[in-house]
Amino acid sequence: ENSNTWIKAHQMLEWLCHYYWKHIEFLQFQWDDEKTKQLTRAYGDQEIIEYAVMNSKILSEYEWFYKLTGRYWIKNCNEIIAARSNSKNVFIRWWLWKDTVHTCFFKTTKSYFIEHFMGKWDQLPRFENHSLERLYYRYIKQSGINMTIHWLHPLFSWERWSWWVMDE
């Protein structure tokens, strides 16, 4: 939650998670509006992810995490998690002809994220058409993750097409 407000829906979600024996954690965060305006939305997105990695009590207990943008819903999430359970880092390319990866949904270890992405937002102004998707792609390629075809792709509630995955 990036507006630093407390939504009443949080109480309902906490109750549902407790009822189903799930853990949930809400992090309140106020991003830097001026830097976001100056460096694009990509800066704000990265700032939020970095904040969660460094401040989440739940994330501190695990070696890896999936990142899913809050307003998205993946119909086949359980199947994807099962299919990629042995993979450490999974990044999805939008299109093969563009040097980008999907930053709305990915899996990574905390150590990989910290080494390859943490604090890299300051390099965004050097890119034409600034985007977090381009920045991640650049550092993923530099780190040597192999490109593979992943036929079990995320089915967002509004889209369905084939995806290429950078998988380690």
C-alpha atoms as a PDB file:
ATOM      1  CA  GLU A   1       0.000   0.000   0.000  1.00  0.00           C
ATOM      2  CA  ASN A   2       1.810   3.111  -1.176  1.00  0.00           C
ATOM      3  CA  SER A   3      -0.378   6.026  -0.140  1.00  0.00           C
ATOM      4  CA  ASN A   4       0.368   5.681   3.587  1.00  0.00           C
ATOM      5  CA  THR A   5      -3.310   5.247   4.421  1.00  0.00           C
ATOM      6  CA  TRP A   6      -5.096   2.497   6.275  1.00  0.00           C
ATOM      7  CA  ILE A   7      -8.003   0.994   4.373  1.00  0.00           C
ATOM      8  CA  LYS A   8     -10.916  -0.665   6.196  1.00  0.00           C
ATOM      9  CA  ALA A   9     -10.601  -3.604   3.787  1.00  0.00           C
ATOM     10  CA  HIS A  10      -7.370  -4.520   5.565  1.00  0.00           C
ATOM     11  CA  GLN A  11      -9.367  -5.623   8.600  1.00  0.00           C
ATOM     12  CA  MET A  12     -11.517  -7.912   6.440  1.00  0.00           C
ATOM     13  CA  LEU A  13      -8.454  -9.367   4.716  1.00  0.00           C
ATOM     14  CA  GLU A  14      -6.769  -9.970   8.048  1.00  0.00           C
ATOM     15  CA  TRP A  15      -9.867 -11.782   9.289  1.00  0.00           C
ATOM     16  CA  LEU A  16     -10.054 -13.934   6.129  1.00  0.00           C
ATOM     17  CA  CYS A  17      -6.388 -14.840   6.370  1.00  0.00           C
ATOM     18  CA  HIS A  18      -6.767 -15.778  10.014  1.00  0.00           C
ATOM     19  CA  TYR A  19      -9.858 -17.874   9.180  1.00  0.00           C
ATOM     20  CA  TYR A  20      -7.990 -19.787   6.445  1.00  0.00           C
ATOM     21  CA  TRP A  21      -4.733 -20.077   8.430  1.00  0.00           C
ATOM     22  CA  LYS A  22      -2.824 -17.754   6.090  1.00  0.00           C
ATOM     23  CA  HIS A  23      -0.362 -15.007   6.941  1.00  0.00           C
ATOM     24  CA  ILE A  24      -0.704 -11.478   5.670  1.00  0.00           C
ATOM     25  CA  GLU A  25       1.234  -8.349   6.384  1.00  0.00           C
ATOM     26  CA  PHE A  26       0.376  -4.778   5.439  1.00  0.00           C
ATOM     27  CA  LEU A  27       3.226  -2.352   5.029  1.00  0.00           C
ATOM     28  CA  GLN A  28       2.383   1.330   5.000  1.00  0.00           C
ATOM     29  CA  PHE A  29       4.635   3.370   2.815  1.00  0.00           C
ATOM     30  CA  GLN A  30       4.738   6.896   1.436  1.00  0.00           C
ATOM     31  CA  TRP A  31       6.782   7.107  -1.719  1.00  0.00           C
ATOM     32  CA  ASP A  32       8.732  10.164  -2.759  1.00  0.00           C
ATOM     33  CA  ASP A  33       6.339  12.033  -5.098  1.00  0.00           C
ATOM     34  CA  GLU A  34       8.967  14.469  -6.319  1.00  0.00           C
ATOM     35  CA  LYS A  35      11.488  11.791  -7.264  1.00  0.00           C
ATOM     36  CA  THR A  36       8.724   9.708  -8.842  1.00  0.00           C
ATOM     37  CA  LYS A  37       7.695  12.669 -11.006  1.00  0.00           C
ATOM     38  CA  GLN A  38      11.330  13.302 -11.918  1.00  0.00           C
ATOM     39  CA  LEU A  39      12.400   9.694 -12.548  1.00  0.00           C
ATOM     40  CA  THR A  40       9.088   8.189 -13.809  1.00  0.00           C
ATOM     41  CA  ARG A  41       6.671   5.689 -12.324  1.00  0.00           C
ATOM     42  CA  ALA A  42       9.407   3.044 -12.538  1.00  0.00           C
ATOM     43  CA  TYR A  43      11.258   4.723  -9.687  1.00  0.00           C
ATOM     44  CA  GLY A  44       8.160   4.602  -7.499  1.00  0.00           C
ATOM     45  CA  ASP A  45       7.547   0.934  -8.302  1.00  0.00           C
ATOM     46  CA  GLN A  46      11.121  -0.003  -7.461  1.00  0.00           C
ATOM     47  CA  GLU A  47      11.041   2.066  -4.268  1.00  0.00           C
ATOM     48  CA  ILE A  48       7.992   0.118  -3.065  1.00  0.00           C
ATOM     49  CA  ILE A  49       9.562  -3.289  -3.783  1.00  0.00           C
ATOM     50  CA  GLU A  50      12.805  -2.297  -2.060  1.00  0.00           C
ATOM     51  CA  TYR A  51      10.848  -1.069   0.962  1.00  0.00           C
ATOM     52  CA  ALA A  52       9.026  -4.401   1.219  1.00  0.00           C
ATOM     53  CA  VAL A  53      12.227  -6.446   0.874  1.00  0.00           C
ATOM     54  CA  MET A  54      13.930  -4.442   3.609  1.00  0.00           C
ATOM     55  CA  ASN A  55      10.976  -4.021   6.016  1.00  0.00           C
ATOM     56  CA  SER A  56       8.664  -7.018   5.733  1.00  0.00           C
ATOM     57  CA  LYS A  57       8.674  -9.372   8.694  1.00  0.00           C
ATOM     58  CA  ILE A  58       7.210 -12.165   6.561  1.00  0.00           C
ATOM     59  CA  LEU A  59       9.774 -11.721   3.769  1.00  0.00           C
ATOM     60  CA  SER A  60      12.582 -11.771   6.325  1.00  0.00           C
ATOM     61  CA  GLU A  61      11.667 -15.389   7.096  1.00  0.00           C
ATOM     62  CA  TYR A  62      12.040 -16.675   3.519  1.00  0.00           C
ATOM     63  CA  GLU A  63      14.815 -17.008   0.934  1.00  0.00           C
ATOM     64  CA  TRP A  64      12.665 -16.062  -2.082  1.00  0.00           C
ATOM     65  CA  PHE A  65       9.395 -14.336  -2.921  1.00  0.00           C
ATOM     66  CA  TYR A  66       6.866 -13.830  -5.675  1.00  0.00           C
ATOM     67  CA  LYS A  67       6.010 -10.252  -6.530  1.00  0.00           C
ATOM     68  CA  LEU A  68       2.503  -9.603  -7.832  1.00  0.00           C
ATOM     69  CA  THR A  69       1.108  -6.137  -8.450  1.00  0.00           C
ATOM     70  CA  GLY A  70      -1.746  -5.588  -6.031  1.00  0.00           C
ATOM     71  CA  ARG A  71      -4.535  -5.007  -8.506  1.00  0.00           C
ATOM     72  CA  TYR A  72      -3.766  -8.114 -10.571  1.00  0.00           C
ATOM     73  CA  TRP A  73      -5.275 -11.541 -10.206  1.00  0.00           C
ATOM     74  CA  ILE A  74      -3.716 -14.686 -11.650  1.00  0.00           C
ATOM     75  CA  LYS A  75      -6.208 -17.454 -12.300  1.00  0.00           C
ATOM     76  CA  ASN A  76      -3.608 -20.260 -12.340  1.00  0.00           C
ATOM     77  CA  CYS A  77      -1.339 -19.055  -9.538  1.00  0.00           C
ATOM     78  CA  ASN A  78      -1.178 -22.427  -7.733  1.00  0.00           C
ATOM     79  CA  GLU A  79      -0.182 -24.245 -10.934  1.00  0.00           C
ATOM     80  CA  ILE A  80       2.572 -21.726 -11.672  1.00  0.00           C
ATOM     81  CA  ILE A  81       3.968 -21.970  -8.155  1.00  0.00           C
ATOM     82  CA  ALA A  82       3.984 -25.784  -8.384  1.00  0.00           C
ATOM     83  CA  ALA A  83       5.585 -25.782 -11.867  1.00  0.00           C
ATOM     84  CA  ARG A  84       8.329 -23.354 -10.839  1.00  0.00           C
ATOM     85  CA  SER A  85       8.964 -24.655  -7.327  1.00  0.00           C
ATOM     86  CA  ASN A  86      12.553 -25.679  -8.221  1.00  0.00           C
ATOM     87  CA  SER A  87      13.365 -22.402  -9.969  1.00  0.00           C
ATOM     88  CA  LYS A  88      15.065 -19.691  -7.973  1.00  0.00           C
ATOM     89  CA  ASN A  89      14.387 -16.717 -10.239  1.00  0.00           C
ATOM     90  CA  VAL A  90      11.621 -16.501 -12.835  1.00  0.00           C
ATOM     91  CA  PHE A  91      11.088 -13.384 -14.960  1.00  0.00           C
ATOM     92  CA  ILE A  92       8.621 -13.252 -17.827  1.00  0.00           C
ATOM     93  CA  ARG A  93       9.275 -11.401 -21.076  1.00  0.00           C
ATOM     94  CA  TRP A  94       6.385  -9.451 -22.529  1.00  0.00           C
ATOM     95  CA  TRP A  95       7.451  -9.759 -26.160  1.00  0.00           C
ATOM     96  CA  LEU A  96      10.521 -11.284 -27.746  1.00  0.00           C
ATOM     97  CA  TRP A  97      11.184  -8.224 -29.882  1.00  0.00           C
ATOM     98  CA  LYS A  98      11.366  -5.878 -26.873  1.00  0.00           C
ATOM     99  CA  ASP A  99      14.081  -5.877 -24.240  1.00  0.00           C
ATOM    100  CA  THR A 100      11.704  -5.949 -21.285  1.00  0.00           C
ATOM    101  CA  VAL A 101      10.428  -8.331 -18.627  1.00  0.00           C
ATOM    102  CA  HIS A 102       7.088  -8.354 -16.854  1.00  0.00           C
ATOM    103  CA  THR A 103       7.528  -6.586 -13.500  1.00  0.00           C
ATOM    104  CA  CYS A 104       3.918  -7.093 -12.409  1.00  0.00           C
ATOM    105  CA  PHE A 105       4.655 -10.747 -11.631  1.00  0.00           C
ATOM    106  CA  PHE A 106       7.979 -12.482 -10.974  1.00  0.00           C
ATOM    107  CA  LYS A 107       9.767 -14.816  -8.589  1.00  0.00           C
ATOM    108  CA  THR A 108      13.201 -14.072  -7.159  1.00  0.00           C
ATOM    109  CA  THR A 109      15.448 -14.841  -4.251  1.00  0.00           C
ATOM    110  CA  LYS A 110      16.076 -11.939  -1.920  1.00  0.00           C
ATOM    111  CA  SER A 111      19.816 -12.235  -2.475  1.00  0.00           C
ATOM    112  CA  TYR A 112      19.400 -12.026  -6.281  1.00  0.00           C
ATOM    113  CA  PHE A 113      17.048  -9.068  -5.954  1.00  0.00           C
ATOM    114  CA  ILE A 114      19.398  -7.199  -3.613  1.00  0.00           C
ATOM    115  CA  GLU A 115      22.483  -7.919  -5.741  1.00  0.00           C
ATOM    116  CA  HIS A 116      20.981  -7.140  -9.161  1.00  0.00           C
ATOM    117  CA  PHE A 117      18.133  -4.665  -8.601  1.00  0.00           C
ATOM    118  CA  MET A 118      18.480  -2.901  -5.249  1.00  0.00           C
ATOM    119  CA  GLY A 119      19.381   0.751  -5.677  1.00  0.00           C
ATOM    120  CA  LYS A 120      19.511   0.488  -9.486  1.00  0.00           C
ATOM    121  CA  TRP A 121      16.668   3.000  -9.969  1.00  0.00           C
ATOM    122  CA  ASP A 122      19.243   5.793 -10.161  1.00  0.00           C
ATOM    123  CA  GLN A 123      20.294   4.441 -13.553  1.00  0.00           C
ATOM    124  CA  LEU A 124      16.831   4.886 -15.065  1.00  0.00           C
ATOM    125  CA  PRO A 125      17.442   8.400 -16.487  1.00  0.00           C
ATOM    126  CA  ARG A 126      20.119   6.937 -18.771  1.00  0.00           C
ATOM    127  CA  PHE A 127      17.506   4.872 -20.592  1.00  0.00           C
ATOM    128  CA  GLU A 128      15.373   6.045 -23.461  1.00  0.00           C
ATOM    129  CA  ASN A 129      11.709   5.297 -22.644  1.00  0.00           C
ATOM    130  CA  HIS A 130      12.381   4.804 -18.931  1.00  0.00           C
ATOM    131  CA  SER A 131      10.791   1.711 -17.473  1.00  0.00           C
ATOM    132  CA  LEU A 132      11.433  -0.750 -14.708  1.00  0.00           C
ATOM    133  CA  GLU A 133      10.768  -3.497 -17.251  1.00  0.00           C
ATOM    134  CA  ARG A 134      13.780  -2.379 -19.330  1.00  0.00           C
ATOM    135  CA  LEU A 135      16.011  -1.922 -16.280  1.00  0.00           C
ATOM    136  CA  TYR A 136      15.245  -5.415 -14.952  1.00  0.00           C
ATOM    137  CA  TYR A 137      15.784  -6.957 -18.381  1.00  0.00           C
ATOM    138  CA  ARG A 138      19.214  -5.330 -18.619  1.00  0.00           C
ATOM    139  CA  TYR A 139      20.402  -6.644 -15.257  1.00  0.00           C
ATOM    140  CA  ILE A 140      18.858 -10.086 -15.748  1.00  0.00           C
ATOM    141  CA  LYS A 141      20.694 -10.516 -19.057  1.00  0.00           C
ATOM    142  CA  GLN A 142      23.944  -9.320 -17.466  1.00  0.00           C
ATOM    143  CA  SER A 143      23.548 -11.867 -14.653  1.00  0.00           C
ATOM    144  CA  GLY A 144      23.359 -14.757 -17.133  1.00  0.00           C
ATOM    145  CA  ILE A 145      19.918 -16.231 -16.487  1.00  0.00           C
ATOM    146  CA  ASN A 146      19.059 -18.512 -19.426  1.00  0.00           C
ATOM    147  CA  MET A 147      16.073 -17.914 -21.674  1.00  0.00           C
ATOM    148  CA  THR A 148      13.601 -20.786 -21.792  1.00  0.00           C
ATOM    149  CA  ILE A 149      10.073 -21.263 -23.087  1.00  0.00           C
ATOM    150  CA  HIS A 150       7.529 -21.545 -20.311  1.00  0.00           C
ATOM    151  CA  TRP A 151       4.251 -22.975 -21.582  1.00  0.00           C
ATOM    152  CA  LEU A 152       2.467 -22.634 -18.250  1.00  0.00           C
ATOM    153  CA  HIS A 153       2.141 -18.866 -18.268  1.00  0.00           C
ATOM    154  CA  PRO A 154       0.206 -16.602 -15.912  1.00  0.00           C
ATOM    155  CA  LEU A 155      -3.433 -16.242 -16.823  1.00  0.00           C
ATOM    156  CA  PHE A 156      -4.329 -12.758 -15.724  1.00  0.00           C
ATOM    157  CA  SER A 157      -8.038 -12.225 -15.444  1.00  0.00           C
ATOM    158  CA  TRP A 158      -8.051 -10.310 -18.751  1.00  0.00           C
ATOM    159  CA  GLU A 159      -5.298 -11.831 -20.912  1.00  0.00           C
ATOM    160  CA  ARG A 160      -4.016 -15.111 -22.318  1.00  0.00           C
ATOM    161  CA  TRP A 161      -1.029 -15.531 -24.618  1.00  0.00           C
ATOM    162  CA  SER A 162       2.310 -17.333 -24.698  1.00  0.00           C
ATOM    163  CA  TRP A 163       5.159 -16.012 -22.590  1.00  0.00           C
ATOM    164  CA  TRP A 164       8.904 -16.488 -22.671  1.00  0.00           C
ATOM    165  CA  VAL A 165      10.546 -16.861 -19.300  1.00  0.00           C
ATOM    166  CA  MET A 166      14.027 -16.065 -18.047  1.00  0.00           C
ATOM    167  CA  ASP A 167      14.527 -18.869 -15.603  1.00  0.00           C
ATOM    168  CA  GLU A 168      17.327 -19.856 -13.244  1.00  0.00           C
END
